[in-house]
Amino acid sequence: MRSIAGCDLIGSPISLSRFLIRFIMAYRQTEKTKARQLEVRQAIVDAALDLITNRGFSGISIRAVAEKAKLASGSVYKHFASKSELCSYVFRLASKAELARVANQSLQGETVRIRLQQTVIGFSERAIKQPRLSYALIAEPVDPLVDAERIKLRQDYADVFAELITEGMQQKEFVEQQANISAAALVGIIAETLVVPLSRAKNKITVKQQSALIGSIQELCMRAVGSA
């Protein structure tokens, strides 16, 4: 019979044992390698997100990410072919986390009106707390890969608002309207109203200014869907 890994498996218990030992050791080594690769990838992503949070996309480079993660630049390229690919991945990761918060908040509240208010206020408050990252995700000029992700993200937000608006019409809390169009408008109101304040992150706005800004955004959104 043909041998496996140089071991005759017939009539040779010792050879079979050696084969099994080699197989198990190789398997364990493969698992360790995979685990290490996952650790390295996570370190790269964490470093990139930290840099974007503090500097924006303009302040990130493969070299800076490698230094932050305490890796060689080549290690970063093993996981991400380019800066654009890395930025796109981190953008998608950070955006999905915030989208999940928005979607969850849109379900909390006794009435649809209250749920919409809380969702708008919650998003605005979180954006102001992390102005550099929020500006990077909402409006900072970037490459086409990230822009494509940003367009998808806006639609995802609009879908959440569309569900709220549709339910609000059914409950007679909002006037009749085309939910998808109004939802897209809400996304625009929130994003465009926050752009300038977020872009001036170095000049922190006061608590009073924050309250006034968030209150205005919330009022605009409620009027847009026909709620008093």
C-alpha atoms as a PDB file:
ATOM      1  CA  MET A   1       0.000   0.000   0.000  1.00  0.00           C
ATOM      2  CA  ARG A   2       1.168   3.523  -0.741  1.00  0.00           C
ATOM      3  CA  SER A   3       2.744   5.279   2.221  1.00  0.00           C
ATOM      4  CA  ILE A   4       1.627   8.667   3.538  1.00  0.00           C
ATOM      5  CA  ALA A   5       4.276  11.211   4.552  1.00  0.00           C
ATOM      6  CA  GLY A   6       6.855   8.452   4.195  1.00  0.00           C
ATOM      7  CA  CYS A   7       5.023   6.094   6.590  1.00  0.00           C
ATOM      8  CA  ASP A   8       3.787   2.633   5.634  1.00  0.00           C
ATOM      9  CA  LEU A   9       0.368   2.499   7.294  1.00  0.00           C
ATOM     10  CA  ILE A  10      -0.027  -1.302   7.013  1.00  0.00           C
ATOM     11  CA  GLY A  11       1.475  -3.460   9.706  1.00  0.00           C
ATOM     12  CA  SER A  12       3.380  -0.592  11.266  1.00  0.00           C
ATOM     13  CA  PRO A  13       1.748   0.866  14.398  1.00  0.00           C
ATOM     14  CA  ILE A  14       4.844   2.921  15.114  1.00  0.00           C
ATOM     15  CA  SER A  15       4.782   4.529  11.670  1.00  0.00           C
ATOM     16  CA  LEU A  16       1.073   5.244  12.032  1.00  0.00           C
ATOM     17  CA  SER A  17       1.659   6.870  15.412  1.00  0.00           C
ATOM     18  CA  ARG A  18       4.402   9.030  13.974  1.00  0.00           C
ATOM     19  CA  PHE A  19       2.151  10.064  11.119  1.00  0.00           C
ATOM     20  CA  LEU A  20      -0.643  11.029  13.518  1.00  0.00           C
ATOM     21  CA  ILE A  21       1.761  13.007  15.687  1.00  0.00           C
ATOM     22  CA  ARG A  22       3.088  14.869  12.661  1.00  0.00           C
ATOM     23  CA  PHE A  23      -0.455  15.546  11.458  1.00  0.00           C
ATOM     24  CA  ILE A  24      -1.564  16.901  14.838  1.00  0.00           C
ATOM     25  CA  MET A  25       1.529  19.083  15.174  1.00  0.00           C
ATOM     26  CA  ALA A  26       1.021  20.490  11.674  1.00  0.00           C
ATOM     27  CA  TYR A  27      -2.639  21.200  12.447  1.00  0.00           C
ATOM     28  CA  ARG A  28      -1.768  22.988  15.672  1.00  0.00           C
ATOM     29  CA  GLN A  29       0.884  25.019  13.907  1.00  0.00           C
ATOM     30  CA  THR A  30      -1.637  26.043  11.243  1.00  0.00           C
ATOM     31  CA  GLU A  31      -4.139  27.112  13.911  1.00  0.00           C
ATOM     32  CA  LYS A  32      -1.452  29.144  15.693  1.00  0.00           C
ATOM     33  CA  THR A  33      -0.511  30.797  12.419  1.00  0.00           C
ATOM     34  CA  LYS A  34      -4.125  31.691  11.671  1.00  0.00           C
ATOM     35  CA  ALA A  35      -4.600  33.063  15.172  1.00  0.00           C
ATOM     36  CA  ARG A  36      -1.464  35.189  14.832  1.00  0.00           C
ATOM     37  CA  GLN A  37      -2.619  36.507  11.460  1.00  0.00           C
ATOM     38  CA  LEU A  38      -5.951  37.520  12.972  1.00  0.00           C
ATOM     39  CA  GLU A  39      -4.148  39.286  15.819  1.00  0.00           C
ATOM     40  CA  VAL A  40      -1.957  41.196  13.382  1.00  0.00           C
ATOM     41  CA  ARG A  41      -4.928  42.174  11.218  1.00  0.00           C
ATOM     42  CA  GLN A  42      -6.830  43.412  14.264  1.00  0.00           C
ATOM     43  CA  ALA A  43      -3.822  45.417  15.406  1.00  0.00           C
ATOM     44  CA  ILE A  44      -3.654  47.053  11.977  1.00  0.00           C
ATOM     45  CA  VAL A  45      -7.354  47.912  12.001  1.00  0.00           C
ATOM     46  CA  ASP A  46      -7.196  49.267  15.550  1.00  0.00           C
ATOM     47  CA  ALA A  47      -4.197  51.426  14.681  1.00  0.00           C
ATOM     48  CA  ALA A  48      -5.856  52.776  11.543  1.00  0.00           C
ATOM     49  CA  LEU A  49      -9.089  53.574  13.374  1.00  0.00           C
ATOM     50  CA  ASP A  50      -7.167  55.377  16.114  1.00  0.00           C
ATOM     51  CA  LEU A  51      -5.316  57.487  13.550  1.00  0.00           C
ATOM     52  CA  ILE A  52      -8.504  58.348  11.670  1.00  0.00           C
ATOM     53  CA  THR A  53     -10.261  59.224  14.937  1.00  0.00           C
ATOM     54  CA  ASN A  54      -7.538  61.727  15.789  1.00  0.00           C
ATOM     55  CA  ARG A  55      -6.295  62.881  12.395  1.00  0.00           C
ATOM     56  CA  GLY A  56      -8.909  61.970   9.823  1.00  0.00           C
ATOM     57  CA  PHE A  57      -8.203  60.154   6.558  1.00  0.00           C
ATOM     58  CA  SER A  58      -5.706  62.845   5.550  1.00  0.00           C
ATOM     59  CA  GLY A  59      -3.501  61.884   8.483  1.00  0.00           C
ATOM     60  CA  ILE A  60      -3.257  58.183   7.769  1.00  0.00           C
ATOM     61  CA  SER A  61      -0.564  56.311   5.851  1.00  0.00           C
ATOM     62  CA  ILE A  62       0.604  52.719   5.715  1.00  0.00           C
ATOM     63  CA  ARG A  63       3.830  53.715   7.459  1.00  0.00           C
ATOM     64  CA  ALA A  64       1.944  55.529  10.239  1.00  0.00           C
ATOM     65  CA  VAL A  65      -0.366  52.556  10.735  1.00  0.00           C
ATOM     66  CA  ALA A  66       2.576  50.153  10.866  1.00  0.00           C
ATOM     67  CA  GLU A  67       4.370  52.288  13.444  1.00  0.00           C
ATOM     68  CA  LYS A  68       1.215  52.592  15.540  1.00  0.00           C
ATOM     69  CA  ALA A  69       0.674  48.827  15.430  1.00  0.00           C
ATOM     70  CA  LYS A  70       4.393  48.186  16.022  1.00  0.00           C
ATOM     71  CA  LEU A  71       4.712  46.258  12.782  1.00  0.00           C
ATOM     72  CA  ALA A  72       6.714  46.480   9.595  1.00  0.00           C
ATOM     73  CA  SER A  73       4.996  48.180   6.659  1.00  0.00           C
ATOM     74  CA  GLY A  74       5.208  44.905   4.766  1.00  0.00           C
ATOM     75  CA  SER A  75       3.015  43.256   7.388  1.00  0.00           C
ATOM     76  CA  VAL A  76       0.269  45.784   6.682  1.00  0.00           C
ATOM     77  CA  TYR A  77       0.457  45.113   2.943  1.00  0.00           C
ATOM     78  CA  LYS A  78       0.013  41.395   3.584  1.00  0.00           C
ATOM     79  CA  HIS A  79      -3.496  42.160   4.853  1.00  0.00           C
ATOM     80  CA  PHE A  80      -4.420  45.252   2.821  1.00  0.00           C
ATOM     81  CA  ALA A  81      -3.171  45.826  -0.709  1.00  0.00           C
ATOM     82  CA  SER A  82      -3.256  49.611  -0.416  1.00  0.00           C
ATOM     83  CA  LYS A  83      -4.083  52.554   1.822  1.00  0.00           C
ATOM     84  CA  SER A  84      -7.388  52.910  -0.039  1.00  0.00           C
ATOM     85  CA  GLU A  85      -8.355  49.329   0.746  1.00  0.00           C
ATOM     86  CA  LEU A  86      -7.463  49.766   4.413  1.00  0.00           C
ATOM     87  CA  CYS A  87      -9.354  53.064   4.701  1.00  0.00           C
ATOM     88  CA  SER A  88     -12.379  51.574   2.981  1.00  0.00           C
ATOM     89  CA  TYR A  89     -12.403  48.621   5.387  1.00  0.00           C
ATOM     90  CA  VAL A  90     -12.061  50.806   8.486  1.00  0.00           C
ATOM     91  CA  PHE A  91     -14.717  53.204   7.197  1.00  0.00           C
ATOM     92  CA  ARG A  92     -17.119  50.304   6.703  1.00  0.00           C
ATOM     93  CA  LEU A  93     -16.344  48.928  10.160  1.00  0.00           C
ATOM     94  CA  ALA A  94     -16.813  52.239  11.999  1.00  0.00           C
ATOM     95  CA  SER A  95     -19.899  53.133   9.979  1.00  0.00           C
ATOM     96  CA  LYS A  96     -21.633  49.826  10.610  1.00  0.00           C
ATOM     97  CA  ALA A  97     -21.118  50.263  14.344  1.00  0.00           C
ATOM     98  CA  GLU A  98     -22.830  53.660  14.292  1.00  0.00           C
ATOM     99  CA  LEU A  99     -25.547  52.437  11.953  1.00  0.00           C
ATOM    100  CA  ALA A 100     -26.329  49.657  14.429  1.00  0.00           C
ATOM    101  CA  ARG A 101     -26.712  52.246  17.199  1.00  0.00           C
ATOM    102  CA  VAL A 102     -29.056  54.320  15.053  1.00  0.00           C
ATOM    103  CA  ALA A 103     -31.139  51.298  14.064  1.00  0.00           C
ATOM    104  CA  ASN A 104     -31.411  50.182  17.687  1.00  0.00           C
ATOM    105  CA  GLN A 105     -32.354  53.657  18.915  1.00  0.00           C
ATOM    106  CA  SER A 106     -35.035  53.956  16.241  1.00  0.00           C
ATOM    107  CA  LEU A 107     -36.884  51.118  17.987  1.00  0.00           C
ATOM    108  CA  GLN A 108     -36.858  52.721  21.437  1.00  0.00           C
ATOM    109  CA  GLY A 109     -39.796  54.922  22.472  1.00  0.00           C
ATOM    110  CA  GLU A 110     -43.534  54.933  23.081  1.00  0.00           C
ATOM    111  CA  THR A 111     -44.419  56.776  19.870  1.00  0.00           C
ATOM    112  CA  VAL A 112     -42.847  57.001  16.429  1.00  0.00           C
ATOM    113  CA  ARG A 113     -42.402  60.730  16.918  1.00  0.00           C
ATOM    114  CA  ILE A 114     -40.368  60.170  20.095  1.00  0.00           C
ATOM    115  CA  ARG A 115     -38.329  57.433  18.437  1.00  0.00           C
ATOM    116  CA  LEU A 116     -37.416  59.707  15.534  1.00  0.00           C
ATOM    117  CA  GLN A 117     -36.496  62.553  17.866  1.00  0.00           C
ATOM    118  CA  GLN A 118     -34.297  60.332  20.008  1.00  0.00           C
ATOM    119  CA  THR A 119     -32.610  58.813  16.978  1.00  0.00           C
ATOM    120  CA  VAL A 120     -31.732  62.209  15.506  1.00  0.00           C
ATOM    121  CA  ILE A 121     -30.577  63.594  18.853  1.00  0.00           C
ATOM    122  CA  GLY A 122     -28.556  60.478  19.685  1.00  0.00           C
ATOM    123  CA  PHE A 123     -26.707  60.491  16.375  1.00  0.00           C
ATOM    124  CA  SER A 124     -25.967  64.221  16.627  1.00  0.00           C
ATOM    125  CA  GLU A 125     -24.683  63.949  20.193  1.00  0.00           C
ATOM    126  CA  ARG A 126     -22.345  61.068  19.346  1.00  0.00           C
ATOM    127  CA  ALA A 127     -21.050  62.927  16.294  1.00  0.00           C
ATOM    128  CA  ILE A 128     -20.202  66.010  18.344  1.00  0.00           C
ATOM    129  CA  LYS A 129     -18.422  63.914  20.982  1.00  0.00           C
ATOM    130  CA  GLN A 130     -16.057  62.533  18.312  1.00  0.00           C
ATOM    131  CA  PRO A 131     -15.864  65.423  15.849  1.00  0.00           C
ATOM    132  CA  ARG A 132     -12.744  64.364  13.910  1.00  0.00           C
ATOM    133  CA  LEU A 133     -13.931  60.817  13.308  1.00  0.00           C
ATOM    134  CA  SER A 134     -17.484  61.942  12.538  1.00  0.00           C
ATOM    135  CA  TYR A 135     -16.278  64.501  10.004  1.00  0.00           C
ATOM    136  CA  ALA A 136     -14.092  61.838   8.397  1.00  0.00           C
ATOM    137  CA  LEU A 137     -17.065  59.481   8.063  1.00  0.00           C
ATOM    138  CA  ILE A 138     -19.600  62.100   6.960  1.00  0.00           C
ATOM    139  CA  ALA A 139     -17.805  64.472   4.654  1.00  0.00           C
ATOM    140  CA  GLU A 140     -13.999  64.413   4.513  1.00  0.00           C
ATOM    141  CA  PRO A 141     -12.744  64.262   0.905  1.00  0.00           C
ATOM    142  CA  VAL A 142     -11.364  60.783   0.273  1.00  0.00           C
ATOM    143  CA  ASP A 143     -10.613  58.329  -2.511  1.00  0.00           C
ATOM    144  CA  PRO A 144     -13.296  56.603  -4.637  1.00  0.00           C
ATOM    145  CA  LEU A 145     -13.338  53.383  -2.591  1.00  0.00           C
ATOM    146  CA  VAL A 146     -14.339  55.226   0.572  1.00  0.00           C
ATOM    147  CA  ASP A 147     -16.748  57.459  -1.346  1.00  0.00           C
ATOM    148  CA  ALA A 148     -18.528  54.367  -2.620  1.00  0.00           C
ATOM    149  CA  GLU A 149     -18.880  53.083   0.943  1.00  0.00           C
ATOM    150  CA  ARG A 150     -20.189  56.482   2.049  1.00  0.00           C
ATOM    151  CA  ILE A 151     -22.943  56.423  -0.570  1.00  0.00           C
ATOM    152  CA  LYS A 152     -24.015  52.953   0.598  1.00  0.00           C
ATOM    153  CA  LEU A 153     -23.994  54.172   4.190  1.00  0.00           C
ATOM    154  CA  ARG A 154     -26.278  57.099   3.407  1.00  0.00           C
ATOM    155  CA  GLN A 155     -28.765  54.722   1.853  1.00  0.00           C
ATOM    156  CA  ASP A 156     -28.598  52.457   4.892  1.00  0.00           C
ATOM    157  CA  TYR A 157     -29.399  55.412   7.148  1.00  0.00           C
ATOM    158  CA  ALA A 158     -32.194  56.446   4.827  1.00  0.00           C
ATOM    159  CA  ASP A 159     -33.677  52.944   5.043  1.00  0.00           C
ATOM    160  CA  VAL A 160     -33.854  53.241   8.846  1.00  0.00           C
ATOM    161  CA  PHE A 161     -35.596  56.609   8.614  1.00  0.00           C
ATOM    162  CA  ALA A 162     -37.924  55.373   5.872  1.00  0.00           C
ATOM    163  CA  GLU A 163     -39.195  52.633   8.181  1.00  0.00           C
ATOM    164  CA  LEU A 164     -39.864  55.182  10.906  1.00  0.00           C
ATOM    165  CA  ILE A 165     -41.651  57.548   8.528  1.00  0.00           C
ATOM    166  CA  THR A 166     -43.789  54.752   7.085  1.00  0.00           C
ATOM    167  CA  GLU A 167     -44.809  53.645  10.549  1.00  0.00           C
ATOM    168  CA  GLY A 168     -45.446  57.251  11.545  1.00  0.00           C
ATOM    169  CA  MET A 169     -47.848  57.688   8.632  1.00  0.00           C
ATOM    170  CA  GLN A 170     -49.634  54.483   9.541  1.00  0.00           C
ATOM    171  CA  GLN A 171     -50.044  55.731  13.109  1.00  0.00           C
ATOM    172  CA  LYS A 172     -51.208  59.149  11.830  1.00  0.00           C
ATOM    173  CA  GLU A 173     -48.269  60.829  13.563  1.00  0.00           C
ATOM    174  CA  PHE A 174     -46.772  62.115  10.303  1.00  0.00           C
ATOM    175  CA  VAL A 175     -48.457  63.557   7.221  1.00  0.00           C
ATOM    176  CA  GLU A 176     -48.700  61.449   4.063  1.00  0.00           C
ATOM    177  CA  GLN A 177     -45.494  61.599   2.016  1.00  0.00           C
ATOM    178  CA  GLN A 178     -43.061  59.516   0.010  1.00  0.00           C
ATOM    179  CA  ALA A 179     -41.123  57.884   2.807  1.00  0.00           C
ATOM    180  CA  ASN A 180     -37.959  57.150   0.794  1.00  0.00           C
ATOM    181  CA  ILE A 181     -37.628  60.756  -0.375  1.00  0.00           C
ATOM    182  CA  SER A 182     -38.268  62.220   3.062  1.00  0.00           C
ATOM    183  CA  ALA A 183     -35.817  59.735   4.598  1.00  0.00           C
ATOM    184  CA  ALA A 184     -33.072  60.780   2.179  1.00  0.00           C
ATOM    185  CA  ALA A 185     -33.829  64.402   3.038  1.00  0.00           C
ATOM    186  CA  LEU A 186     -33.424  63.682   6.758  1.00  0.00           C
ATOM    187  CA  VAL A 187     -30.005  62.138   6.139  1.00  0.00           C
ATOM    188  CA  GLY A 188     -29.050  65.275   4.206  1.00  0.00           C
ATOM    189  CA  ILE A 189     -30.347  67.625   6.897  1.00  0.00           C
ATOM    190  CA  ILE A 190     -28.401  65.892   9.649  1.00  0.00           C
ATOM    191  CA  ALA A 191     -25.170  65.424   7.708  1.00  0.00           C
ATOM    192  CA  GLU A 192     -25.011  68.850   6.079  1.00  0.00           C
ATOM    193  CA  THR A 193     -25.950  70.701   9.269  1.00  0.00           C
ATOM    194  CA  LEU A 194     -23.159  68.961  11.179  1.00  0.00           C
ATOM    195  CA  VAL A 195     -20.433  69.304   8.542  1.00  0.00           C
ATOM    196  CA  VAL A 196     -19.207  72.798   9.395  1.00  0.00           C
ATOM    197  CA  PRO A 197     -19.236  72.388  13.208  1.00  0.00           C
ATOM    198  CA  LEU A 198     -17.452  69.038  12.898  1.00  0.00           C
ATOM    199  CA  SER A 199     -14.849  70.419  10.507  1.00  0.00           C
ATOM    200  CA  ARG A 200     -13.908  72.982  13.153  1.00  0.00           C
ATOM    201  CA  ALA A 201     -13.115  70.307  15.710  1.00  0.00           C
ATOM    202  CA  LYS A 202     -10.117  72.239  17.075  1.00  0.00           C
ATOM    203  CA  ASN A 203     -12.418  75.073  18.121  1.00  0.00           C
ATOM    204  CA  LYS A 204     -14.718  73.176  20.463  1.00  0.00           C
ATOM    205  CA  ILE A 205     -18.228  74.534  20.675  1.00  0.00           C
ATOM    206  CA  THR A 206     -19.723  75.199  24.095  1.00  0.00           C
ATOM    207  CA  VAL A 207     -22.335  73.013  25.736  1.00  0.00           C
ATOM    208  CA  LYS A 208     -24.896  75.750  25.096  1.00  0.00           C
ATOM    209  CA  GLN A 209     -23.971  75.855  21.390  1.00  0.00           C
ATOM    210  CA  GLN A 210     -24.144  72.070  21.173  1.00  0.00           C
ATOM    211  CA  SER A 211     -27.611  72.053  22.716  1.00  0.00           C
ATOM    212  CA  ALA A 212     -28.824  74.758  20.342  1.00  0.00           C
ATOM    213  CA  LEU A 213     -27.364  72.974  17.307  1.00  0.00           C
ATOM    214  CA  ILE A 214     -28.849  69.587  18.192  1.00  0.00           C
ATOM    215  CA  GLY A 215     -32.179  71.177  19.034  1.00  0.00           C
ATOM    216  CA  SER A 216     -32.285  72.917  15.658  1.00  0.00           C
ATOM    217  CA  ILE A 217     -31.436  69.710  13.771  1.00  0.00           C
ATOM    218  CA  GLN A 218     -34.155  67.831  15.624  1.00  0.00           C
ATOM    219  CA  GLU A 219     -36.751  70.546  14.924  1.00  0.00           C
ATOM    220  CA  LEU A 220     -35.848  70.659  11.229  1.00  0.00           C
ATOM    221  CA  CYS A 221     -36.208  66.884  10.939  1.00  0.00           C
ATOM    222  CA  MET A 222     -39.570  66.832  12.695  1.00  0.00           C
ATOM    223  CA  ARG A 223     -40.927  69.607  10.484  1.00  0.00           C
ATOM    224  CA  ALA A 224     -39.621  67.795   7.417  1.00  0.00           C
ATOM    225  CA  VAL A 225     -41.841  64.784   8.133  1.00  0.00           C
ATOM    226  CA  GLY A 226     -44.862  66.889   9.026  1.00  0.00           C
ATOM    227  CA  SER A 227     -44.800  66.481  12.788  1.00  0.00           C
ATOM    228  CA  ALA A 228     -45.622  69.421  15.031  1.00  0.00           C
END
